[in-house]
Amino acid sequence: MTLILKTLLHLVHPLCVIWLVLGLWLLRMLYNRRTLGLWFPGAAWLILTLLTCTPFASWLIAGLENQVTSVKVAELPQAEAIVCLGGGFVPSLVEPAGFQLQSGADRLTTALTLAVEGKAPLLILGGGGYPHEGHVFSEADTVSSYIRSHFSLKTELLSMGVCKDTHDEAVKVAALTKQRGLNRLLLVTSANHMPRTMAAFRKVGINVIPVPCNYISSLNHLGEQRWLHLPSPRGLDVFGAWLHEIVGSWVYYFRGWV
């Protein structure tokens, strides 16, 4: 009964409704042999099915995630600094904690784990800026303040302030390495983002030890893989993340950032 109820609730999701209505309309048109003009809506339904009913999007992004080998904290060497890229938090004026967790929050939990394990004496935090009523709120500053208030870390915390993008984070880290004489860095970011990130850091003369996290491909998750299922918006999210990295890589290439 619970399974039936869950299925019914799933079917009334807007994405499922669109998929069903479009599919039934196509079937009706085919049944009536009115095939003229069905190529575009038919292709749209097939693409929607591929992205939301199968692990195709997960397969695409796994190609990015698996370019860099996954690591265990205990196996990582000692370093001079941990660099955690932004994307896991958004500053908030209404949340009790002062921020909201985002999909990339694994980046910070991974970086904090490294710091707690004593992998480096310095934790460098990156992140974007969020303008509001004439003031720009920094993700890195917000997270730094929260950590200082709620954790007793022996690791020194350093915020990079507002960063425009990954290239900007790489440039700021490069300046810090020269200023402080840092050579060995542990770099923490999402697994699908790591290939572009490493290329951007290499471009500014920094070789890092990658610590990929936040694996979003279902092929990299525990549990039995479902090869066909009702439409799920998660497939669109995963495809969007993959497309973001592909387009971002081309943009970085043409701008000379990688």
Protein backbone atom coordinates (compact mmCIF):
# COMPACT_ATOMS: atom_id res chain seq x y z
CA MET A 1 0.00 0.00 0.00
CA THR A 2 2.85 2.35 0.87
CA LEU A 3 4.52 1.66 -2.49
CA ILE A 4 1.27 2.35 -4.35
CA LEU A 5 0.79 5.62 -2.46
CA LYS A 6 4.37 6.71 -3.16
CA THR A 7 3.92 5.90 -6.86
CA LEU A 8 0.67 7.88 -7.04
CA LEU A 9 2.29 10.86 -5.31
CA HIS A 10 5.20 10.62 -7.75
CA LEU A 11 2.81 10.63 -10.70
CA VAL A 12 1.28 13.98 -9.68
CA HIS A 13 4.69 15.68 -9.67
CA PRO A 14 4.67 18.38 -12.41
CA LEU A 15 7.55 16.70 -14.27
CA CYS A 16 5.71 13.37 -14.28
CA VAL A 17 2.48 15.01 -15.41
CA ILE A 18 4.24 16.71 -18.34
CA TRP A 19 5.99 13.46 -19.29
CA LEU A 20 2.74 11.46 -19.14
CA VAL A 21 0.60 14.02 -20.99
CA LEU A 22 3.17 14.45 -23.76
CA GLY A 23 3.65 10.70 -24.05
CA LEU A 24 -0.10 9.99 -24.22
CA TRP A 25 -0.58 12.77 -26.77
CA LEU A 26 2.18 11.29 -28.96
CA LEU A 27 0.62 7.83 -28.71
CA ARG A 28 -2.76 9.21 -29.71
CA MET A 29 -1.28 11.03 -32.70
CA LEU A 30 0.56 7.87 -33.78
CA TYR A 31 -2.58 5.79 -33.33
CA ASN A 32 -4.49 8.18 -35.58
CA ARG A 33 -1.55 8.10 -38.03
CA ARG A 34 -1.08 11.84 -37.77
CA THR A 35 2.71 11.75 -37.84
CA LEU A 36 3.29 15.10 -39.56
CA GLY A 37 5.11 17.46 -37.21
CA LEU A 38 5.78 14.84 -34.51
CA TRP A 39 9.56 14.88 -34.89
CA PHE A 40 10.23 17.74 -32.49
CA PRO A 41 7.75 16.81 -29.71
CA GLY A 42 8.75 13.16 -30.13
CA ALA A 43 12.44 14.01 -29.79
CA ALA A 44 11.67 16.20 -26.77
CA TRP A 45 9.82 13.33 -25.06
CA LEU A 46 12.64 10.89 -25.79
CA ILE A 47 15.28 13.29 -24.44
CA LEU A 48 13.17 13.94 -21.34
CA THR A 49 12.79 10.19 -20.84
CA LEU A 50 16.50 9.59 -21.29
CA LEU A 51 17.48 12.28 -18.77
CA THR A 52 14.83 11.68 -16.12
CA CYS A 53 13.96 7.97 -16.35
CA THR A 54 17.42 6.44 -16.82
CA PRO A 55 20.90 6.91 -15.27
CA PHE A 56 22.16 8.53 -18.49
CA ALA A 57 22.90 11.87 -16.79
CA SER A 58 24.71 10.01 -14.00
CA TRP A 59 26.76 8.17 -16.61
CA LEU A 60 27.74 11.49 -18.20
CA ILE A 61 28.83 13.13 -14.96
CA ALA A 62 30.60 9.98 -13.75
CA GLY A 63 32.94 10.56 -16.69
CA LEU A 64 34.00 13.78 -14.96
CA GLU A 65 33.92 12.49 -11.39
CA ASN A 66 36.09 9.47 -12.11
CA GLN A 67 38.85 11.40 -13.88
CA VAL A 68 40.44 11.96 -10.47
CA THR A 69 40.83 8.95 -8.17
CA SER A 70 38.80 9.04 -4.96
CA VAL A 71 40.81 9.27 -1.74
CA LYS A 72 40.62 8.29 1.93
CA VAL A 73 41.49 10.86 4.58
CA ALA A 74 43.89 8.51 6.36
CA GLU A 75 45.85 7.93 3.13
CA LEU A 76 46.42 11.62 2.38
CA PRO A 77 49.85 13.12 3.12
CA GLN A 78 50.52 16.06 5.40
CA ALA A 79 50.28 19.43 3.68
CA GLU A 80 50.89 23.09 4.41
CA ALA A 81 47.32 24.19 3.69
CA ILE A 82 43.84 22.92 2.87
CA VAL A 83 42.03 24.87 0.15
CA CYS A 84 38.24 24.52 0.17
CA LEU A 85 36.41 26.02 -2.79
CA GLY A 86 33.04 27.69 -2.27
CA GLY A 87 29.62 26.54 -3.38
CA GLY A 88 28.34 24.79 -0.28
CA PHE A 89 26.71 27.64 1.61
CA VAL A 90 24.60 30.73 0.96
CA PRO A 91 24.56 33.53 3.57
CA SER A 92 21.08 34.17 4.98
CA LEU A 93 19.50 36.92 7.06
CA VAL A 94 16.63 34.70 8.25
CA GLU A 95 18.22 31.31 8.93
CA PRO A 96 19.10 30.78 12.64
CA ALA A 97 22.61 29.64 11.70
CA GLY A 98 23.12 32.58 9.33
CA PHE A 99 23.40 30.47 6.17
CA GLN A 100 21.75 27.75 4.10
CA LEU A 101 23.37 24.50 3.02
CA GLN A 102 23.69 23.96 -0.72
CA SER A 103 24.43 20.91 -2.86
CA GLY A 104 28.18 21.46 -2.52
CA ALA A 105 28.21 21.46 1.30
CA ASP A 106 30.25 18.23 1.23
CA ARG A 107 33.20 20.43 0.27
CA LEU A 108 33.24 22.10 3.68
CA THR A 109 32.56 18.93 5.68
CA THR A 110 35.45 17.27 3.85
CA ALA A 111 37.76 20.22 4.47
CA LEU A 112 36.79 20.31 8.16
CA THR A 113 37.46 16.58 8.42
CA LEU A 114 40.95 17.14 7.02
CA ALA A 115 41.50 19.99 9.48
CA VAL A 116 40.29 17.95 12.46
CA GLU A 117 42.59 15.11 11.42
CA GLY A 118 45.48 17.58 11.45
CA LYS A 119 46.34 17.26 7.76
CA ALA A 120 47.45 20.91 7.54
CA PRO A 121 47.90 23.91 9.87
CA LEU A 122 45.96 26.27 7.57
CA LEU A 123 42.45 26.11 6.10
CA ILE A 124 41.75 28.51 3.22
CA LEU A 125 38.08 29.09 2.37
CA GLY A 126 36.77 30.36 -0.95
CA GLY A 127 33.28 31.27 -2.09
CA GLY A 128 31.15 33.76 -3.94
CA GLY A 129 29.41 36.98 -2.99
CA TYR A 130 25.69 37.65 -2.58
CA PRO A 131 24.58 41.29 -3.03
CA HIS A 132 21.66 42.47 -0.92
CA GLU A 133 20.49 46.05 -0.41
CA GLY A 134 23.83 47.59 -1.29
CA HIS A 135 25.92 45.12 0.69
CA VAL A 136 27.76 42.05 -0.61
CA PHE A 137 27.66 39.07 1.76
CA SER A 138 30.66 36.77 1.48
CA GLU A 139 30.15 33.01 1.65
CA ALA A 140 33.71 32.47 2.89
CA ASP A 141 33.44 35.15 5.60
CA THR A 142 30.11 33.74 6.79
CA VAL A 143 31.45 30.20 7.03
CA SER A 144 34.67 31.35 8.71
CA SER A 145 32.73 33.21 11.39
CA TYR A 146 30.50 30.20 12.00
CA ILE A 147 33.45 27.80 12.33
CA ARG A 148 35.27 30.12 14.74
CA SER A 149 32.13 30.42 16.88
CA HIS A 150 31.20 26.73 16.99
CA PHE A 151 34.41 24.72 16.56
CA SER A 152 37.66 24.60 18.49
CA LEU A 153 40.07 24.02 15.64
CA LYS A 154 43.81 24.23 16.01
CA THR A 155 43.96 24.97 12.30
CA GLU A 156 44.29 28.60 11.25
CA LEU A 157 41.31 29.85 9.22
CA LEU A 158 41.72 32.21 6.30
CA SER A 159 38.88 33.59 4.16
CA MET A 160 39.53 34.63 0.57
CA GLY A 161 36.55 36.98 0.74
CA VAL A 162 34.35 37.35 -2.32
CA CYS A 163 35.58 35.34 -5.32
CA LYS A 164 34.05 35.73 -8.77
CA ASP A 165 34.69 32.17 -9.91
CA THR A 166 37.11 29.24 -9.72
CA HIS A 167 39.71 31.16 -11.72
CA ASP A 168 39.54 34.00 -9.21
CA GLU A 169 39.97 31.51 -6.35
CA ALA A 170 43.03 30.04 -8.09
CA VAL A 171 44.58 33.49 -8.58
CA LYS A 172 44.03 34.40 -4.92
CA VAL A 173 45.48 31.10 -3.72
CA ALA A 174 48.51 31.64 -5.98
CA ALA A 175 49.09 35.01 -4.33
CA LEU A 176 48.82 33.42 -0.88
CA THR A 177 51.30 30.68 -1.73
CA LYS A 178 53.87 33.29 -2.75
CA GLN A 179 53.15 35.44 0.29
CA ARG A 180 53.37 32.59 2.78
CA GLY A 181 55.77 30.30 0.97
CA LEU A 182 53.26 27.45 0.68
CA ASN A 183 54.10 24.53 -1.58
CA ARG A 184 51.95 21.54 -0.61
CA LEU A 185 48.20 22.10 -0.82
CA LEU A 186 45.22 19.79 -0.38
CA LEU A 187 42.49 20.99 -2.75
CA VAL A 188 38.88 20.19 -1.86
CA THR A 189 36.02 20.55 -4.33
CA SER A 190 33.24 18.51 -5.94
CA ALA A 191 34.45 15.50 -7.92
CA ASN A 192 32.81 16.67 -11.16
CA HIS A 193 34.41 20.11 -10.72
CA MET A 194 37.89 18.79 -9.90
CA PRO A 195 39.26 18.35 -13.49
CA ARG A 196 38.55 21.99 -14.42
CA THR A 197 39.73 23.20 -11.01
CA MET A 198 43.07 21.38 -11.23
CA ALA A 199 43.62 22.77 -14.72
CA ALA A 200 42.87 26.31 -13.50
CA PHE A 201 45.29 25.94 -10.57
CA ARG A 202 48.02 24.49 -12.79
CA LYS A 203 47.62 27.48 -15.12
CA VAL A 204 48.56 29.87 -12.29
CA GLY A 205 51.51 27.69 -11.32
CA ILE A 206 50.07 25.63 -8.47
CA ASN A 207 50.25 21.85 -8.29
CA VAL A 208 47.76 20.50 -5.76
CA ILE A 209 46.87 17.22 -4.10
CA PRO A 210 43.22 16.67 -5.14
CA VAL A 211 40.61 15.69 -2.56
CA PRO A 212 37.42 15.14 -4.60
CA CYS A 213 34.10 14.90 -2.77
CA ASN A 214 30.38 15.47 -3.31
CA TYR A 215 29.92 12.66 -5.83
CA ILE A 216 26.46 13.14 -7.36
CA SER A 217 26.40 10.37 -9.97
CA SER A 218 24.14 7.50 -8.89
CA LEU A 219 26.79 5.19 -10.36
CA ASN A 220 29.05 6.30 -7.51
CA HIS A 221 26.42 5.80 -4.79
CA LEU A 222 25.59 2.80 -2.65
CA GLY A 223 22.48 0.80 -3.52
CA GLU A 224 21.10 -1.06 -6.50
CA GLN A 225 21.14 0.89 -9.75
CA ARG A 226 17.69 1.43 -11.30
CA TRP A 227 18.03 1.46 -15.06
CA LEU A 228 14.44 2.54 -15.76
CA HIS A 229 12.08 4.41 -13.45
CA LEU A 230 9.45 7.14 -13.37
CA PRO A 231 10.73 10.64 -14.21
CA SER A 232 12.84 12.25 -11.50
CA PRO A 233 13.93 15.92 -11.51
CA ARG A 234 17.28 14.80 -10.10
CA GLY A 235 18.29 13.63 -13.56
CA LEU A 236 17.86 17.18 -14.85
CA ASP A 237 19.91 18.54 -11.93
CA VAL A 238 22.73 16.10 -12.65
CA PHE A 239 22.64 16.87 -16.37
CA GLY A 240 22.71 20.59 -15.55
CA ALA A 241 25.82 20.08 -13.39
CA TRP A 242 27.50 18.12 -16.21
CA LEU A 243 26.60 20.76 -18.81
CA HIS A 244 27.86 23.51 -16.49
CA GLU A 245 31.27 21.85 -16.29
CA ILE A 246 31.49 21.16 -20.03
CA VAL A 247 30.57 24.74 -20.97
CA GLY A 248 32.77 26.08 -18.16
CA SER A 249 35.75 24.10 -19.45
CA TRP A 250 35.33 25.54 -22.93
CA VAL A 251 34.96 29.08 -21.56
CA TYR A 252 38.09 28.65 -19.43
CA TYR A 253 39.97 27.29 -22.44
CA PHE A 254 39.04 30.19 -24.71
CA ARG A 255 39.83 32.74 -21.98
CA GLY A 256 43.24 31.17 -21.41
CA TRP A 257 42.46 30.12 -17.84
CA VAL A 258 43.35 26.45 -18.31
